[in-house]
């Protein structure tokens, strides 16, 4: 069953750190079975506060999603995202 990780950027705190994250994050996906379904495309907020943007990535399994998220490569890079902006990240199973 596919698993999705949805990243929602709520507010930018440090643009330079966020740019560094964006420059480095793609390399952390190498060797992982992942498909980027949407990356900061046009969005329409139907309920709640509008986020600055969102990213949706698909993995073949929950184990594959966790393997990428908790990988040493991503954990090193994610520190720039934590410094750069307030995000919400959720993992959700597909049907």
N, C-alpha and C. Protein backbone atom coordinates (compact mmCIF):
# COMPACT_ATOMS: atom_id res chain seq x y z
N UNK A 1 0.84 -1.18 0.00
CA UNK A 1 0.00 0.00 0.00
C UNK A 1 0.88 1.24 0.00
N UNK A 2 0.58 2.16 -0.88
CA UNK A 2 1.34 3.41 -0.95
C UNK A 2 1.17 4.23 0.33
N UNK A 3 2.22 4.97 0.65
CA UNK A 3 2.21 5.89 1.78
C UNK A 3 2.66 7.25 1.27
N UNK A 4 2.04 8.29 1.78
CA UNK A 4 2.34 9.65 1.35
C UNK A 4 2.86 10.46 2.53
N UNK A 5 3.82 11.32 2.26
CA UNK A 5 4.22 12.32 3.25
C UNK A 5 3.82 13.67 2.67
N UNK A 6 3.10 14.43 3.47
CA UNK A 6 2.64 15.76 3.08
C UNK A 6 3.35 16.77 3.97
N UNK A 7 4.09 17.65 3.34
CA UNK A 7 4.79 18.73 4.03
C UNK A 7 4.05 20.03 3.75
N UNK A 8 3.66 20.73 4.80
CA UNK A 8 2.97 22.00 4.65
C UNK A 8 3.82 23.08 5.31
N UNK A 9 4.25 24.05 4.50
CA UNK A 9 5.05 25.15 5.05
C UNK A 9 4.10 26.22 5.56
N UNK A 10 4.15 26.43 6.88
CA UNK A 10 3.26 27.40 7.53
C UNK A 10 3.81 28.81 7.47
N UNK A 11 5.11 28.98 7.76
CA UNK A 11 5.72 30.32 7.72
C UNK A 11 7.23 30.20 7.64
N UNK A 12 7.82 31.09 6.87
CA UNK A 12 9.27 31.13 6.70
C UNK A 12 9.90 31.92 7.83
N UNK A 13 10.98 31.36 8.39
CA UNK A 13 11.70 32.01 9.49
C UNK A 13 13.08 32.50 9.07
N UNK A 14 13.76 31.74 8.20
CA UNK A 14 15.12 32.05 7.78
C UNK A 14 15.25 31.62 6.32
N UNK A 15 15.11 32.55 5.41
CA UNK A 15 15.10 32.25 3.98
C UNK A 15 16.40 31.59 3.52
N UNK A 16 17.53 32.02 4.04
CA UNK A 16 18.82 31.45 3.65
C UNK A 16 18.90 29.96 4.01
N UNK A 17 18.45 29.61 5.21
CA UNK A 17 18.45 28.21 5.63
C UNK A 17 17.49 27.39 4.77
N UNK A 18 16.37 27.99 4.42
CA UNK A 18 15.39 27.29 3.58
C UNK A 18 15.94 27.05 2.18
N UNK A 19 16.66 28.00 1.63
CA UNK A 19 17.28 27.83 0.32
C UNK A 19 18.32 26.70 0.38
N UNK A 20 19.09 26.65 1.44
CA UNK A 20 20.07 25.57 1.61
C UNK A 20 19.36 24.22 1.63
N UNK A 21 18.26 24.12 2.37
CA UNK A 21 17.48 22.89 2.42
C UNK A 21 17.02 22.50 1.01
N UNK A 22 16.45 23.44 0.30
CA UNK A 22 15.93 23.17 -1.06
C UNK A 22 17.05 22.71 -1.99
N UNK A 23 18.24 23.26 -1.82
CA UNK A 23 19.38 22.88 -2.65
C UNK A 23 19.85 21.45 -2.35
N UNK A 24 19.67 21.00 -1.13
CA UNK A 24 20.24 19.72 -0.70
C UNK A 24 19.24 18.55 -0.65
N UNK A 25 17.97 18.83 -0.53
CA UNK A 25 17.00 17.77 -0.25
C UNK A 25 16.89 16.74 -1.37
N UNK A 26 16.99 17.15 -2.62
CA UNK A 26 16.84 16.19 -3.73
C UNK A 26 17.87 15.07 -3.65
N UNK A 27 19.07 15.39 -3.23
CA UNK A 27 20.12 14.37 -3.15
C UNK A 27 19.79 13.30 -2.11
N UNK A 28 18.97 13.62 -1.11
CA UNK A 28 18.61 12.64 -0.09
C UNK A 28 17.62 11.60 -0.61
N UNK A 29 16.99 11.89 -1.74
CA UNK A 29 16.01 10.96 -2.32
C UNK A 29 16.67 9.87 -3.15
N UNK A 30 17.93 10.08 -3.53
CA UNK A 30 18.65 9.10 -4.35
C UNK A 30 18.70 7.75 -3.64
N UNK A 31 18.39 6.70 -4.39
CA UNK A 31 18.41 5.35 -3.83
C UNK A 31 17.12 4.97 -3.13
N UNK A 32 16.16 5.87 -3.07
CA UNK A 32 14.87 5.59 -2.44
C UNK A 32 13.79 5.55 -3.51
N UNK A 33 12.85 4.66 -3.35
CA UNK A 33 11.72 4.58 -4.27
C UNK A 33 10.70 5.62 -3.85
N UNK A 34 10.70 6.75 -4.54
CA UNK A 34 9.85 7.88 -4.16
C UNK A 34 9.40 8.61 -5.41
N UNK A 35 8.21 9.15 -5.35
CA UNK A 35 7.68 9.95 -6.45
C UNK A 35 7.15 11.25 -5.86
N UNK A 36 7.64 12.38 -6.36
CA UNK A 36 7.14 13.68 -5.92
C UNK A 36 5.87 13.96 -6.73
N UNK A 37 4.74 14.01 -6.04
CA UNK A 37 3.46 14.22 -6.71
C UNK A 37 3.14 15.69 -6.90
N UNK A 38 3.54 16.51 -5.95
CA UNK A 38 3.30 17.95 -6.04
C UNK A 38 4.35 18.66 -5.20
N UNK A 39 4.87 19.75 -5.75
CA UNK A 39 5.89 20.52 -5.03
C UNK A 39 5.63 22.00 -5.24
N UNK A 40 5.01 22.60 -4.26
CA UNK A 40 4.72 24.03 -4.25
C UNK A 40 3.94 24.49 -5.47
N UNK A 41 3.00 23.65 -5.91
CA UNK A 41 2.11 24.05 -6.99
C UNK A 41 1.05 25.02 -6.47
N UNK A 42 0.25 25.52 -7.40
CA UNK A 42 -0.85 26.41 -7.02
C UNK A 42 -1.77 25.68 -6.06
N UNK A 43 -2.18 26.36 -5.00
CA UNK A 43 -3.08 25.73 -4.04
C UNK A 43 -4.27 26.64 -3.77
N UNK A 44 -5.32 26.02 -3.33
CA UNK A 44 -6.53 26.74 -2.95
C UNK A 44 -6.93 26.24 -1.57
N UNK A 45 -6.96 27.13 -0.61
CA UNK A 45 -7.31 26.75 0.75
C UNK A 45 -8.82 26.69 0.87
N UNK A 46 -9.33 25.54 1.26
CA UNK A 46 -10.77 25.37 1.43
C UNK A 46 -11.19 25.58 2.88
N UNK A 47 -10.30 25.28 3.81
CA UNK A 47 -10.59 25.46 5.23
C UNK A 47 -9.31 25.83 5.96
N UNK A 48 -9.42 26.59 7.02
CA UNK A 48 -8.28 26.93 7.85
C UNK A 48 -7.41 28.00 7.23
N UNK A 49 -6.28 28.24 7.89
CA UNK A 49 -5.35 29.26 7.42
C UNK A 49 -4.57 28.75 6.21
N UNK A 50 -4.31 29.64 5.27
CA UNK A 50 -3.59 29.26 4.06
C UNK A 50 -2.11 29.08 4.34
N UNK A 51 -1.53 27.94 3.97
CA UNK A 51 -0.09 27.74 4.14
C UNK A 51 0.66 28.47 3.03
N UNK A 52 1.95 28.62 3.22
CA UNK A 52 2.80 29.21 2.18
C UNK A 52 2.98 28.25 1.01
N UNK A 53 2.91 26.97 1.28
CA UNK A 53 3.08 25.98 0.22
C UNK A 53 3.02 24.57 0.76
N UNK A 54 3.02 23.60 -0.15
CA UNK A 54 2.93 22.20 0.26
C UNK A 54 3.66 21.31 -0.73
N UNK A 55 4.12 20.17 -0.23
CA UNK A 55 4.78 19.15 -1.04
C UNK A 55 4.14 17.81 -0.66
N UNK A 56 3.87 16.99 -1.68
CA UNK A 56 3.33 15.65 -1.45
C UNK A 56 4.25 14.66 -2.15
N UNK A 57 4.76 13.70 -1.38
CA UNK A 57 5.62 12.65 -1.94
C UNK A 57 5.01 11.29 -1.66
N UNK A 58 5.20 10.38 -2.61
CA UNK A 58 4.63 9.03 -2.51
C UNK A 58 5.74 8.00 -2.39
N UNK A 59 5.55 7.06 -1.47
CA UNK A 59 6.46 5.95 -1.28
C UNK A 59 5.66 4.65 -1.44
N UNK A 60 6.30 3.56 -1.82
CA UNK A 60 5.54 2.32 -2.02
C UNK A 60 4.99 1.73 -0.72
N UNK A 61 5.67 2.00 0.39
CA UNK A 61 5.24 1.46 1.69
C UNK A 61 5.57 2.46 2.80
N UNK A 62 4.97 2.23 3.95
CA UNK A 62 5.29 3.05 5.12
C UNK A 62 6.75 2.84 5.53
N UNK A 63 7.23 1.62 5.41
CA UNK A 63 8.63 1.33 5.76
C UNK A 63 9.58 2.11 4.85
N UNK A 64 9.24 2.21 3.57
CA UNK A 64 10.08 2.96 2.63
C UNK A 64 10.08 4.45 2.97
N UNK A 65 8.91 4.97 3.36
CA UNK A 65 8.82 6.39 3.74
C UNK A 65 9.66 6.66 4.98
N UNK A 66 9.55 5.79 5.96
CA UNK A 66 10.34 5.96 7.19
C UNK A 66 11.84 5.80 6.91
N UNK A 67 12.18 4.86 6.02
CA UNK A 67 13.60 4.66 5.70
C UNK A 67 14.21 5.93 5.13
N UNK A 68 13.46 6.64 4.28
CA UNK A 68 13.98 7.91 3.75
C UNK A 68 13.99 8.98 4.84
N UNK A 69 12.85 9.18 5.52
CA UNK A 69 12.74 10.28 6.48
C UNK A 69 13.80 10.17 7.58
N UNK A 70 14.01 8.98 8.09
CA UNK A 70 14.95 8.78 9.19
C UNK A 70 16.37 8.45 8.73
N UNK A 71 16.61 8.49 7.43
CA UNK A 71 17.95 8.20 6.92
C UNK A 71 18.94 9.25 7.41
N UNK A 72 20.19 8.85 7.60
CA UNK A 72 21.21 9.83 8.01
C UNK A 72 21.31 11.01 7.04
N UNK A 73 21.17 10.74 5.74
CA UNK A 73 21.28 11.81 4.75
C UNK A 73 20.18 12.85 4.95
N UNK A 74 18.93 12.40 5.11
CA UNK A 74 17.84 13.37 5.28
C UNK A 74 17.91 14.04 6.64
N UNK A 75 18.25 13.32 7.67
CA UNK A 75 18.31 13.92 9.00
C UNK A 75 19.37 15.01 9.09
N UNK A 76 20.41 14.91 8.28
CA UNK A 76 21.42 15.96 8.25
C UNK A 76 20.86 17.20 7.55
N UNK A 77 20.13 17.00 6.46
CA UNK A 77 19.59 18.11 5.67
C UNK A 77 18.36 18.75 6.33
N UNK A 78 17.54 17.96 6.98
CA UNK A 78 16.28 18.48 7.54
C UNK A 78 16.52 19.57 8.58
N UNK A 79 17.70 19.60 9.16
CA UNK A 79 18.00 20.65 10.13
C UNK A 79 17.88 22.05 9.52
N UNK A 80 18.18 22.17 8.23
CA UNK A 80 18.03 23.45 7.55
C UNK A 80 16.54 23.82 7.40
N UNK A 81 15.70 22.81 7.16
CA UNK A 81 14.26 23.07 7.09
C UNK A 81 13.72 23.50 8.44
N UNK A 82 14.16 22.83 9.49
CA UNK A 82 13.71 23.19 10.83
C UNK A 82 14.08 24.63 11.16
N UNK A 83 15.25 25.04 10.75
CA UNK A 83 15.70 26.42 11.00
C UNK A 83 15.00 27.41 10.06
N UNK A 84 14.74 26.96 8.84
CA UNK A 84 14.23 27.86 7.81
C UNK A 84 12.76 28.20 7.88
N UNK A 85 11.95 27.28 8.39
CA UNK A 85 10.51 27.54 8.36
C UNK A 85 9.78 26.64 9.35
N UNK A 86 8.57 27.05 9.66
CA UNK A 86 7.67 26.20 10.45
C UNK A 86 6.88 25.36 9.46
N UNK A 87 6.98 24.06 9.63
CA UNK A 87 6.31 23.10 8.77
C UNK A 87 5.42 22.19 9.59
N UNK A 88 4.50 21.59 8.91
CA UNK A 88 3.74 20.46 9.44
C UNK A 88 4.04 19.33 8.47
N UNK A 89 4.37 18.17 8.98
CA UNK A 89 4.64 17.00 8.13
C UNK A 89 3.81 15.84 8.65
N UNK A 90 3.05 15.21 7.75
CA UNK A 90 2.25 14.06 8.14
C UNK A 90 2.51 12.91 7.17
N UNK A 91 2.39 11.71 7.68
CA UNK A 91 2.48 10.52 6.85
C UNK A 91 1.10 9.87 6.85
N UNK A 92 0.62 9.52 5.66
CA UNK A 92 -0.73 8.98 5.54
C UNK A 92 -0.73 7.80 4.58
N UNK A 93 -1.44 6.75 4.95
CA UNK A 93 -1.55 5.57 4.08
C UNK A 93 -2.51 5.86 2.94
N UNK A 94 -2.19 5.31 1.77
CA UNK A 94 -3.09 5.37 0.63
C UNK A 94 -4.12 4.27 0.73
N UNK A 95 -5.03 4.28 -0.20
CA UNK A 95 -6.08 3.24 -0.22
C UNK A 95 -5.66 2.07 -1.07
